[in-house]
Amino acid sequence: MLERYAPILLFALLVAGFAIANLIISDVLGKKRRAIGKANPYESGMDPIGSARVRLSIHFYLVAVLFILFDVESIFLVPWAASARWLADHGVGQLVFFEIAAFVGVLAVGLVYVWRKGGLEWDR
């Protein structure tokens, strides 16, 4: 049983060894020039203004989490859309359509709830 996974284990060890060897070689052979501006943060070619430790409202993070949540859930619609014709040809198209409609309905109810509670207003 273990001999079936031996090539995968060997490949993983080779990849890890290659990565570690590259890091060590670049550290040993690389140039060690220290420049004044090298340690400064890079802000799209502009000098940074103010502190990087800006406090943001919790609403900003809530909107970000809600965006990720709805984005990931909407990705579940892609396989259904890609296989809709095959599902219709095999006689389960209506059943799957109503299941997807229920899924989208739950998403819509969640979105309306968050919208009415003011969860999408992160700048308040």
C-alpha atoms as a PDB file:
ATOM      1  CA  MET A   1       0.000   0.000   0.000  1.00  0.00           C
ATOM      2  CA  LEU A   2       2.784   2.418   0.908  1.00  0.00           C
ATOM      3  CA  GLU A   3       4.679   1.762  -2.325  1.00  0.00           C
ATOM      4  CA  ARG A   4       1.834   3.402  -4.293  1.00  0.00           C
ATOM      5  CA  TYR A   5       2.476   6.687  -2.472  1.00  0.00           C
ATOM      6  CA  ALA A   6       6.272   6.469  -2.611  1.00  0.00           C
ATOM      7  CA  PRO A   7       6.605   8.511  -5.845  1.00  0.00           C
ATOM      8  CA  ILE A   8       4.406  11.273  -4.411  1.00  0.00           C
ATOM      9  CA  LEU A   9       6.422  11.328  -1.184  1.00  0.00           C
ATOM     10  CA  LEU A  10       9.670  11.367  -3.161  1.00  0.00           C
ATOM     11  CA  PHE A  11       8.408  14.231  -5.329  1.00  0.00           C
ATOM     12  CA  ALA A  12       7.307  16.222  -2.243  1.00  0.00           C
ATOM     13  CA  LEU A  13      10.732  15.713  -0.662  1.00  0.00           C
ATOM     14  CA  LEU A  14      12.461  16.826  -3.868  1.00  0.00           C
ATOM     15  CA  VAL A  15      10.317  19.953  -4.096  1.00  0.00           C
ATOM     16  CA  ALA A  16      10.923  20.825  -0.436  1.00  0.00           C
ATOM     17  CA  GLY A  17      14.650  20.185  -0.833  1.00  0.00           C
ATOM     18  CA  PHE A  18      14.794  22.342  -3.957  1.00  0.00           C
ATOM     19  CA  ALA A  19      12.991  25.215  -2.200  1.00  0.00           C
ATOM     20  CA  ILE A  20      15.214  25.029   0.885  1.00  0.00           C
ATOM     21  CA  ALA A  21      18.369  24.775  -1.256  1.00  0.00           C
ATOM     22  CA  ASN A  22      17.342  27.870  -3.238  1.00  0.00           C
ATOM     23  CA  LEU A  23      16.766  29.838  -0.046  1.00  0.00           C
ATOM     24  CA  ILE A  24      20.116  28.828   1.408  1.00  0.00           C
ATOM     25  CA  ILE A  25      22.039  29.468  -1.829  1.00  0.00           C
ATOM     26  CA  SER A  26      20.472  32.895  -2.323  1.00  0.00           C
ATOM     27  CA  ASP A  27      21.266  33.825   1.278  1.00  0.00           C
ATOM     28  CA  VAL A  28      24.888  32.710   0.981  1.00  0.00           C
ATOM     29  CA  LEU A  29      25.646  34.027  -2.500  1.00  0.00           C
ATOM     30  CA  GLY A  30      23.344  37.047  -2.574  1.00  0.00           C
ATOM     31  CA  LYS A  31      24.515  40.627  -2.232  1.00  0.00           C
ATOM     32  CA  LYS A  32      24.259  42.146   1.216  1.00  0.00           C
ATOM     33  CA  ARG A  33      23.983  45.846   0.387  1.00  0.00           C
ATOM     34  CA  ARG A  34      22.101  47.903   2.915  1.00  0.00           C
ATOM     35  CA  ALA A  35      20.560  51.093   1.581  1.00  0.00           C
ATOM     36  CA  ILE A  36      18.854  53.905   3.463  1.00  0.00           C
ATOM     37  CA  GLY A  37      15.548  53.622   1.617  1.00  0.00           C
ATOM     38  CA  LYS A  38      15.479  49.842   1.462  1.00  0.00           C
ATOM     39  CA  ALA A  39      13.753  49.430   4.819  1.00  0.00           C
ATOM     40  CA  ASN A  40      11.090  52.055   4.082  1.00  0.00           C
ATOM     41  CA  PRO A  41       7.623  50.828   3.140  1.00  0.00           C
ATOM     42  CA  TYR A  42       6.698  51.136  -0.510  1.00  0.00           C
ATOM     43  CA  GLU A  43       3.383  52.870  -1.208  1.00  0.00           C
ATOM     44  CA  SER A  44       2.943  52.849  -4.988  1.00  0.00           C
ATOM     45  CA  GLY A  45       5.952  55.079  -5.529  1.00  0.00           C
ATOM     46  CA  MET A  46       4.863  57.676  -2.973  1.00  0.00           C
ATOM     47  CA  ASP A  47       6.222  58.400   0.456  1.00  0.00           C
ATOM     48  CA  PRO A  48       3.882  57.004   3.108  1.00  0.00           C
ATOM     49  CA  ILE A  49       1.847  59.609   4.976  1.00  0.00           C
ATOM     50  CA  GLY A  50       0.764  58.970   8.530  1.00  0.00           C
ATOM     51  CA  SER A  51       0.837  55.793  10.542  1.00  0.00           C
ATOM     52  CA  ALA A  52       0.163  52.335   9.208  1.00  0.00           C
ATOM     53  CA  ARG A  53      -1.737  51.596  12.411  1.00  0.00           C
ATOM     54  CA  VAL A  54      -5.032  53.188  11.388  1.00  0.00           C
ATOM     55  CA  ARG A  55      -8.040  51.990  13.352  1.00  0.00           C
ATOM     56  CA  LEU A  56     -10.957  51.010  11.161  1.00  0.00           C
ATOM     57  CA  SER A  57     -14.556  50.591  12.168  1.00  0.00           C
ATOM     58  CA  ILE A  58     -15.819  47.083  12.826  1.00  0.00           C
ATOM     59  CA  HIS A  59     -18.415  47.693  10.111  1.00  0.00           C
ATOM     60  CA  PHE A  60     -15.632  47.671   7.516  1.00  0.00           C
ATOM     61  CA  TYR A  61     -14.681  44.129   8.552  1.00  0.00           C
ATOM     62  CA  LEU A  62     -18.325  43.034   8.644  1.00  0.00           C
ATOM     63  CA  VAL A  63     -18.834  44.208   5.069  1.00  0.00           C
ATOM     64  CA  ALA A  64     -15.657  42.395   4.022  1.00  0.00           C
ATOM     65  CA  VAL A  65     -16.790  39.147   5.638  1.00  0.00           C
ATOM     66  CA  LEU A  66     -20.256  39.484   4.106  1.00  0.00           C
ATOM     67  CA  PHE A  67     -18.712  40.068   0.690  1.00  0.00           C
ATOM     68  CA  ILE A  68     -16.605  36.933   1.008  1.00  0.00           C
ATOM     69  CA  LEU A  69     -19.601  34.960   2.267  1.00  0.00           C
ATOM     70  CA  PHE A  70     -21.884  35.951  -0.600  1.00  0.00           C
ATOM     71  CA  ASP A  71     -19.069  35.642  -3.129  1.00  0.00           C
ATOM     72  CA  VAL A  72     -18.243  32.078  -2.096  1.00  0.00           C
ATOM     73  CA  GLU A  73     -21.896  31.110  -2.000  1.00  0.00           C
ATOM     74  CA  SER A  74     -22.476  32.532  -5.465  1.00  0.00           C
ATOM     75  CA  ILE A  75     -19.640  30.358  -6.794  1.00  0.00           C
ATOM     76  CA  PHE A  76     -21.852  27.354  -6.044  1.00  0.00           C
ATOM     77  CA  LEU A  77     -24.104  28.523  -8.882  1.00  0.00           C
ATOM     78  CA  VAL A  78     -21.382  28.036 -11.504  1.00  0.00           C
ATOM     79  CA  PRO A  79     -21.406  24.189 -11.564  1.00  0.00           C
ATOM     80  CA  TRP A  80     -25.193  24.207 -11.779  1.00  0.00           C
ATOM     81  CA  ALA A  81     -25.134  26.668 -14.675  1.00  0.00           C
ATOM     82  CA  ALA A  82     -22.457  24.636 -16.440  1.00  0.00           C
ATOM     83  CA  SER A  83     -24.415  21.394 -16.147  1.00  0.00           C
ATOM     84  CA  ALA A  84     -27.956  22.770 -16.600  1.00  0.00           C
ATOM     85  CA  ARG A  85     -28.367  21.344 -20.119  1.00  0.00           C
ATOM     86  CA  TRP A  86     -27.123  17.900 -19.049  1.00  0.00           C
ATOM     87  CA  LEU A  87     -29.481  17.934 -16.062  1.00  0.00           C
ATOM     88  CA  ALA A  88     -32.407  18.905 -18.301  1.00  0.00           C
ATOM     89  CA  ASP A  89     -31.567  16.119 -20.761  1.00  0.00           C
ATOM     90  CA  HIS A  90     -31.579  13.531 -17.966  1.00  0.00           C
ATOM     91  CA  GLY A  91     -34.946  14.537 -16.545  1.00  0.00           C
ATOM     92  CA  VAL A  92     -33.832  16.138 -13.285  1.00  0.00           C
ATOM     93  CA  GLY A  93     -33.726  19.700 -14.562  1.00  0.00           C
ATOM     94  CA  GLN A  94     -36.877  20.889 -12.807  1.00  0.00           C
ATOM     95  CA  LEU A  95     -35.921  19.347  -9.471  1.00  0.00           C
ATOM     96  CA  VAL A  96     -32.460  20.924  -9.554  1.00  0.00           C
ATOM     97  CA  PHE A  97     -33.948  24.217 -10.729  1.00  0.00           C
ATOM     98  CA  PHE A  98     -36.223  24.381  -7.687  1.00  0.00           C
ATOM     99  CA  GLU A  99     -33.319  23.448  -5.396  1.00  0.00           C
ATOM    100  CA  ILE A 100     -31.209  26.250  -6.890  1.00  0.00           C
ATOM    101  CA  ALA A 101     -34.179  28.631  -6.621  1.00  0.00           C
ATOM    102  CA  ALA A 102     -34.452  27.763  -2.922  1.00  0.00           C
ATOM    103  CA  PHE A 103     -30.696  28.342  -2.521  1.00  0.00           C
ATOM    104  CA  VAL A 104     -30.877  31.730  -4.231  1.00  0.00           C
ATOM    105  CA  GLY A 105     -33.962  32.541  -2.167  1.00  0.00           C
ATOM    106  CA  VAL A 106     -32.079  31.868   1.065  1.00  0.00           C
ATOM    107  CA  LEU A 107     -29.239  34.070  -0.189  1.00  0.00           C
ATOM    108  CA  ALA A 108     -31.708  36.824  -1.068  1.00  0.00           C
ATOM    109  CA  VAL A 109     -33.390  36.641   2.352  1.00  0.00           C
ATOM    110  CA  GLY A 110     -29.952  36.849   4.004  1.00  0.00           C
ATOM    111  CA  LEU A 111     -28.966  39.807   1.855  1.00  0.00           C
ATOM    112  CA  VAL A 112     -32.224  41.652   2.593  1.00  0.00           C
ATOM    113  CA  TYR A 113     -31.775  40.984   6.319  1.00  0.00           C
ATOM    114  CA  VAL A 114     -28.212  42.322   6.324  1.00  0.00           C
ATOM    115  CA  TRP A 115     -29.246  45.302   4.200  1.00  0.00           C
ATOM    116  CA  ARG A 116     -32.135  46.259   6.502  1.00  0.00           C
ATOM    117  CA  LYS A 117     -29.926  45.906   9.600  1.00  0.00           C
ATOM    118  CA  GLY A 118     -27.434  48.328   8.032  1.00  0.00           C
ATOM    119  CA  GLY A 119     -24.640  45.749   7.784  1.00  0.00           C
ATOM    120  CA  LEU A 120     -23.564  46.998   4.365  1.00  0.00           C
ATOM    121  CA  GLU A 121     -22.842  50.546   5.558  1.00  0.00           C
ATOM    122  CA  TRP A 122     -19.247  50.331   6.688  1.00  0.00           C
ATOM    123  CA  ASP A 123     -18.547  54.070   6.657  1.00  0.00           C
ATOM    124  CA  ARG A 124     -20.798  55.018   9.562  1.00  0.00           C
END
